[in-house]
Every structure is written in C-alpha cells, then in structure tokens.
C-alpha cells in the first residue's frame, strides 16, 4: 500500500525555521518527482517546490532563497527546510509523489504550519 506521511509542522514565530519531512512506504522514490504543495486558509493548493528524480529543483517565487527541498532515495524520505518564515507561509503542507512513467500521483495527509507571533 502506497503511503506518504508528512511530519515537522507546527507553530513558529515570524523569522523562524521548520523542517518538514515526508516518509514514503509501499513504493520506491526512484522514478518519482517529489514535491511539496501547500494550501493556505481560503486559498487554492499551490506548488511550493519540486525535486525531480534526477535531483533538479524548482521553487515558487514566493519561497526562493528561503526554502530548500532535498531527498534521499535510499531512505525514501524527502525534506523541506523552511527558513525566514512569514505569516503568509501559514498553510497545510502536502507531500506529493509523481511517478514519471505513468504519471501516477500520490499525496500525503498534510501537516499544518502556522507562522504567527
């Protein structure tokens, strides 16, 4: 059974940092592009960052220079280091796996990040 489990969310003050983790089971990371999405209050889900199966990374303009995505295919785990957090980063953050060869799409259940003083 394919499963993605996010962790690491929480409440942090503006300017603070968090590190999100996404652990996978039931499939191997190899051959999947991995991404973080987020959905803020009253907003649509948006793509935050992607790391391809080849290790290339892409970021939304709003998080460039502050967030860093990484992965370890042996551990089937992905992370996102979030620094200089802003109140507008408040959202539920979701882990996504996109299988390259057949475009199968898997989602985690999400982890809440709240940036507030």
Protein backbone atom coordinates (compact mmCIF):
# COMPACT_ATOMS: atom_id res chain seq x y z
CA UNK A 1 0.00 0.00 0.00
CA UNK A 2 1.39 3.37 -1.05
CA UNK A 3 1.67 5.82 1.81
CA UNK A 4 3.21 9.26 2.27
CA UNK A 5 3.46 10.65 5.79
CA UNK A 6 4.41 14.25 6.49
CA UNK A 7 5.78 15.49 9.79
CA UNK A 8 7.55 18.50 11.22
CA UNK A 9 4.81 21.10 11.07
CA UNK A 10 3.91 23.33 13.97
CA UNK A 11 3.64 26.86 15.28
CA UNK A 12 6.60 29.16 14.73
CA UNK A 13 7.20 32.89 15.06
CA UNK A 14 7.89 35.04 12.01
CA UNK A 15 11.53 34.71 11.03
CA UNK A 16 11.74 31.23 12.47
CA UNK A 17 12.50 27.90 10.84
CA UNK A 18 10.92 24.50 10.43
CA UNK A 19 11.96 21.31 8.70
CA UNK A 20 9.26 19.21 7.11
CA UNK A 21 9.74 15.52 6.40
CA UNK A 22 7.90 13.17 4.06
CA UNK A 23 8.41 9.45 4.53
CA UNK A 24 7.18 7.01 1.91
CA UNK A 25 6.22 3.37 2.12
CA UNK A 26 4.83 0.93 -0.40
CA UNK A 27 6.92 2.27 -3.27
CA UNK A 28 10.42 3.49 -4.01
CA UNK A 29 11.30 7.14 -4.57
CA UNK A 30 13.35 6.22 -7.62
CA UNK A 31 11.46 7.21 -10.76
CA UNK A 32 9.30 9.76 -8.96
CA UNK A 33 9.42 13.52 -8.95
CA UNK A 34 8.74 14.66 -5.40
CA UNK A 35 7.05 17.92 -4.49
CA UNK A 36 5.70 19.97 -1.62
CA UNK A 37 2.40 21.73 -2.08
CA UNK A 38 0.56 23.96 0.36
CA UNK A 39 -2.95 25.24 0.87
CA UNK A 40 -3.46 28.34 2.95
CA UNK A 41 -6.74 29.43 4.55
CA UNK A 42 -9.21 30.31 1.83
CA UNK A 43 -6.65 29.64 -0.90
CA UNK A 44 -6.17 27.03 -3.56
CA UNK A 45 -3.47 24.42 -3.26
CA UNK A 46 -0.20 25.67 -4.77
CA UNK A 47 3.09 24.10 -5.73
CA UNK A 48 5.89 25.16 -3.41
CA UNK A 49 8.90 23.14 -4.51
CA UNK A 50 9.85 20.14 -6.63
CA UNK A 51 12.88 17.89 -6.70
CA UNK A 52 12.98 15.64 -9.74
CA UNK A 53 14.12 12.05 -9.82
CA UNK A 54 17.36 13.43 -11.27
CA UNK A 55 17.84 15.86 -8.40
CA UNK A 56 16.89 19.10 -10.15
CA UNK A 57 14.97 21.56 -8.00
CA UNK A 58 12.36 24.21 -8.69
CA UNK A 59 10.76 26.67 -6.28
CA UNK A 60 7.82 29.00 -6.25
CA UNK A 61 8.99 32.61 -6.44
CA UNK A 62 7.48 33.28 -3.01
CA UNK A 63 9.85 30.84 -1.29
CA UNK A 64 13.04 31.10 -3.35
CA UNK A 65 16.04 31.72 -1.15
CA UNK A 66 14.15 30.70 1.99
CA UNK A 67 13.11 27.08 1.41
CA UNK A 68 15.31 24.15 0.41
CA UNK A 69 13.97 20.83 -0.82
CA UNK A 70 16.00 17.63 -0.61
CA UNK A 71 15.55 13.88 -0.89
CA UNK A 72 17.23 10.60 -0.06
CA UNK A 73 16.10 7.76 -2.29
CA UNK A 74 17.72 5.11 -0.10
CA UNK A 75 15.71 6.27 2.90
CA UNK A 76 12.61 7.03 0.79
CA UNK A 77 12.41 10.37 2.53
CA UNK A 78 12.07 13.97 1.39
CA UNK A 79 12.58 17.13 3.39
CA UNK A 80 11.97 20.82 3.10
CA UNK A 81 13.97 23.23 5.22
CA UNK A 82 11.97 26.41 5.68
CA UNK A 83 13.80 29.49 6.94
CA UNK A 84 12.78 33.10 7.45
CA UNK A 85 9.18 32.04 7.73
CA UNK A 86 6.47 34.62 7.15
CA UNK A 87 2.82 34.70 8.23
CA UNK A 88 1.84 34.15 4.60
CA UNK A 89 3.59 30.78 4.72
CA UNK A 90 0.83 29.56 7.04
CA UNK A 91 -0.79 26.59 5.34
CA UNK A 92 -1.25 22.87 5.33
CA UNK A 93 1.76 21.42 3.56
CA UNK A 94 1.35 18.29 1.46
CA UNK A 95 3.88 15.83 0.14
CA UNK A 96 3.35 14.63 -3.44
CA UNK A 97 4.95 11.88 -5.48
CA UNK A 98 4.57 11.81 -9.27
CA UNK A 99 5.60 8.61 -10.99
CA UNK A 100 7.42 9.54 -14.19
CA UNK A 101 6.50 6.62 -16.45
CA UNK A 102 2.73 6.58 -15.95
CA UNK A 103 2.01 9.89 -14.14
CA UNK A 104 0.51 8.12 -11.12
CA UNK A 105 0.09 10.67 -8.34
CA UNK A 106 0.28 10.10 -4.60
CA UNK A 107 -0.48 12.50 -1.73
CA UNK A 108 0.18 12.63 1.96
CA UNK A 109 -2.38 13.74 4.51
CA UNK A 110 -0.71 17.10 5.17
CA UNK A 111 0.98 18.83 8.08
CA UNK A 112 -0.06 22.22 9.45
CA UNK A 113 2.44 25.06 9.51
CA UNK A 114 1.39 28.21 11.35
CA UNK A 115 3.58 31.30 11.37
CA UNK A 116 2.38 33.75 13.98
CA UNK A 117 3.63 35.89 16.80
